[in-house]
Structures are given as structure tokens and as C-alpha cells.
Amino acid sequence: MAQTHETVEIVDVTDTAELRKLAEEVAVSGRARLLRIGSRDVARLEPLPEPGADPRSTQDPAAGPERFGTKKPGDPITDEDRAATLSSFGSWAGLVDADEFEANWRAARGSDRPPVDLGP
């Protein structure tokens, strides 16, 4: 699969007070901002990772609570991890009919192609 490389134009906002202030707020807070003109979303301003930082450790605030994404492959499993996993067991009880869920799941994964007849 070929990779495409996007060319990004660099815009210096040093002398544009409002944009400079917004860029500095994004960098300090670590939170992205959505830029809007009227009712139309036109751009997203987001902080860049620190040079040399692990890109897996950057956390998008829109992705959920900060506790998500903090573990990396190879990190030891703690008692707190085990307790959190065990506390989730049965959390769908009474909310989801398991048989209906399985039927819908199987139907969604099914094929629309007609069966193949290999003859006698």
C-alpha cells in the first residue's frame, strides 16, 4: 500500500496577536480547539507532541477520561487493573438481551452472496 505525504504550509503567527494567543493556549493546555466561522467548522488547532515524546502517550481530550491510553504494551498489570476489569463483569446484565445481540451480530457479519453449488 502506497503512503501519501501531505505538504503542510507553515504560517508564522508571531505578529498576529489573536492567533498567537490561541496557539499558545492550545500548546499550554494540551487541548485542541475547533475553529468556526458562523455555524461552519473550518479547522482544528491541536498541540504537537513534545520533540522525542512517545506518540502513543499523547492523549486527545475528546477521546475520554485521562486514564485511558496511559498503559503501554509490556506495562505490568496491577491489582487496580484487575479490580477495574472484574467490576465491569455483568455491567450489561438486564440492559442487553444476549440472544438478540448474538443474532444481530451474526446477521451483520453474514454474507449477501448466494451459496455456491459445487454440483453432484
Protein backbone atom coordinates (compact mmCIF):
# COMPACT_ATOMS: atom_id res chain seq x y z
CA MET A 1 0.00 0.00 0.00
CA ALA A 2 1.46 3.36 -1.03
CA GLN A 3 1.75 6.09 1.55
CA THR A 4 0.96 9.67 0.68
CA HIS A 5 2.86 12.56 2.19
CA GLU A 6 0.94 15.76 2.76
CA THR A 7 2.74 19.07 2.37
CA VAL A 8 1.77 21.46 5.14
CA GLU A 9 2.21 25.19 4.70
CA ILE A 10 3.76 26.84 7.74
CA VAL A 11 2.12 30.08 8.85
CA ASP A 12 4.03 32.24 11.34
CA VAL A 13 1.52 33.79 13.78
CA THR A 14 4.11 35.69 15.82
CA ASP A 15 2.78 39.06 14.67
CA THR A 16 -0.93 38.11 14.72
CA ALA A 17 -1.88 38.68 18.36
CA GLU A 18 -5.19 36.82 18.42
CA LEU A 19 -3.91 33.72 16.62
CA ARG A 20 -0.68 33.74 18.61
CA LYS A 21 -2.64 33.84 21.90
CA LEU A 22 -4.88 30.97 20.75
CA ALA A 23 -1.87 28.89 19.64
CA GLU A 24 -0.13 29.47 22.97
CA GLU A 25 -3.30 28.47 24.90
CA VAL A 26 -3.53 25.23 22.91
CA ALA A 27 0.16 24.45 23.50
CA VAL A 28 -0.05 25.11 27.25
CA SER A 29 -3.38 23.38 27.89
CA GLY A 30 -2.73 20.41 25.59
CA ARG A 31 -6.36 20.67 24.42
CA ALA A 32 -7.40 21.02 20.79
CA ARG A 33 -9.65 23.85 19.59
CA LEU A 34 -12.17 23.76 16.76
CA LEU A 35 -12.20 26.95 14.69
CA ARG A 36 -15.60 28.04 13.41
CA ILE A 37 -16.85 30.69 11.00
CA GLY A 38 -20.52 31.31 11.70
CA SER A 39 -22.04 27.85 12.00
CA ARG A 40 -19.38 26.13 9.85
CA ASP A 41 -16.40 24.28 11.38
CA VAL A 42 -13.37 25.17 9.28
CA ALA A 43 -10.22 23.99 11.06
CA ARG A 44 -8.84 22.16 14.08
CA LEU A 45 -5.94 23.58 16.06
CA GLU A 46 -4.21 20.94 18.15
CA PRO A 47 -0.98 20.79 20.14
CA LEU A 48 2.04 18.99 18.75
CA PRO A 49 3.78 16.34 20.86
CA GLU A 50 7.00 17.36 22.56
CA PRO A 51 10.07 16.52 20.45
CA GLY A 52 11.18 12.98 21.27
CA ALA A 53 7.91 12.13 23.06
CA ASP A 54 6.27 8.75 22.55
CA PRO A 55 3.37 9.45 20.11
CA ARG A 56 1.28 6.75 21.82
CA SER A 57 1.34 8.76 25.05
CA THR A 58 -0.42 11.82 23.62
CA GLN A 59 -3.98 11.98 24.85
CA ASP A 60 -6.78 13.55 22.83
CA PRO A 61 -9.13 15.13 25.40
CA ALA A 62 -12.06 14.22 23.16
CA ALA A 63 -11.15 10.53 23.43
CA GLY A 64 -12.39 10.21 27.01
CA PRO A 65 -11.11 10.28 30.54
CA GLU A 66 -7.39 10.80 31.02
CA ARG A 67 -6.97 7.32 32.48
CA PHE A 68 -7.45 5.84 29.00
CA GLY A 69 -4.32 5.41 26.92
CA THR A 70 -1.88 5.57 29.81
CA LYS A 71 -0.81 1.92 29.70
CA LYS A 72 1.61 0.68 27.10
CA PRO A 73 2.27 -2.85 25.90
CA GLY A 74 4.57 -4.57 28.37
CA ASP A 75 3.47 -2.49 31.38
CA PRO A 76 2.80 -4.72 34.41
CA ILE A 77 -0.83 -5.49 35.27
CA THR A 78 -1.68 -4.07 38.68
CA ASP A 79 -4.28 -5.07 41.27
CA GLU A 80 -6.14 -1.88 40.32
CA ASP A 81 -6.27 -3.09 36.68
CA ARG A 82 -7.66 -6.44 37.76
CA ALA A 83 -10.26 -4.81 40.04
CA ALA A 84 -11.40 -2.49 37.22
CA THR A 85 -11.80 -5.43 34.84
CA LEU A 86 -13.69 -7.53 37.38
CA SER A 87 -16.01 -4.63 38.22
CA SER A 88 -17.13 -4.46 34.59
CA PHE A 89 -18.35 -8.07 34.51
CA GLY A 90 -22.12 -8.22 34.28
CA SER A 91 -22.45 -4.50 33.62
CA TRP A 92 -24.75 -5.17 30.64
CA ALA A 93 -26.99 -7.51 32.64
CA GLY A 94 -30.61 -6.52 32.16
CA LEU A 95 -29.70 -3.94 29.51
CA VAL A 96 -28.99 -6.23 26.57
CA ASP A 97 -30.72 -9.44 25.51
CA ALA A 98 -27.77 -11.75 24.81
CA ASP A 99 -29.65 -13.92 22.28
CA GLU A 100 -30.87 -10.89 20.32
CA PHE A 101 -27.39 -9.36 20.43
CA GLU A 102 -25.82 -12.57 19.08
CA ALA A 103 -28.44 -12.89 16.32
CA ASN A 104 -27.86 -9.28 15.23
CA TRP A 105 -24.10 -9.74 15.40
CA ARG A 106 -24.21 -12.89 13.25
CA ALA A 107 -26.55 -11.23 10.73
CA ALA A 108 -24.24 -8.24 10.44
CA ARG A 109 -21.24 -10.49 9.79
CA GLY A 110 -23.11 -12.67 7.31
CA SER A 111 -22.69 -12.70 3.57
CA ASP A 112 -25.18 -11.49 0.95
CA ARG A 113 -23.70 -13.79 -1.67
CA PRO A 114 -25.75 -16.79 -2.80
CA PRO A 115 -24.49 -20.21 -1.69
CA VAL A 116 -22.02 -21.94 -4.03
CA ASP A 117 -23.29 -25.15 -5.67
CA LEU A 118 -20.39 -27.50 -6.42
CA GLY A 119 -22.56 -29.96 -8.27
CA PRO A 120 -23.17 -33.69 -7.64
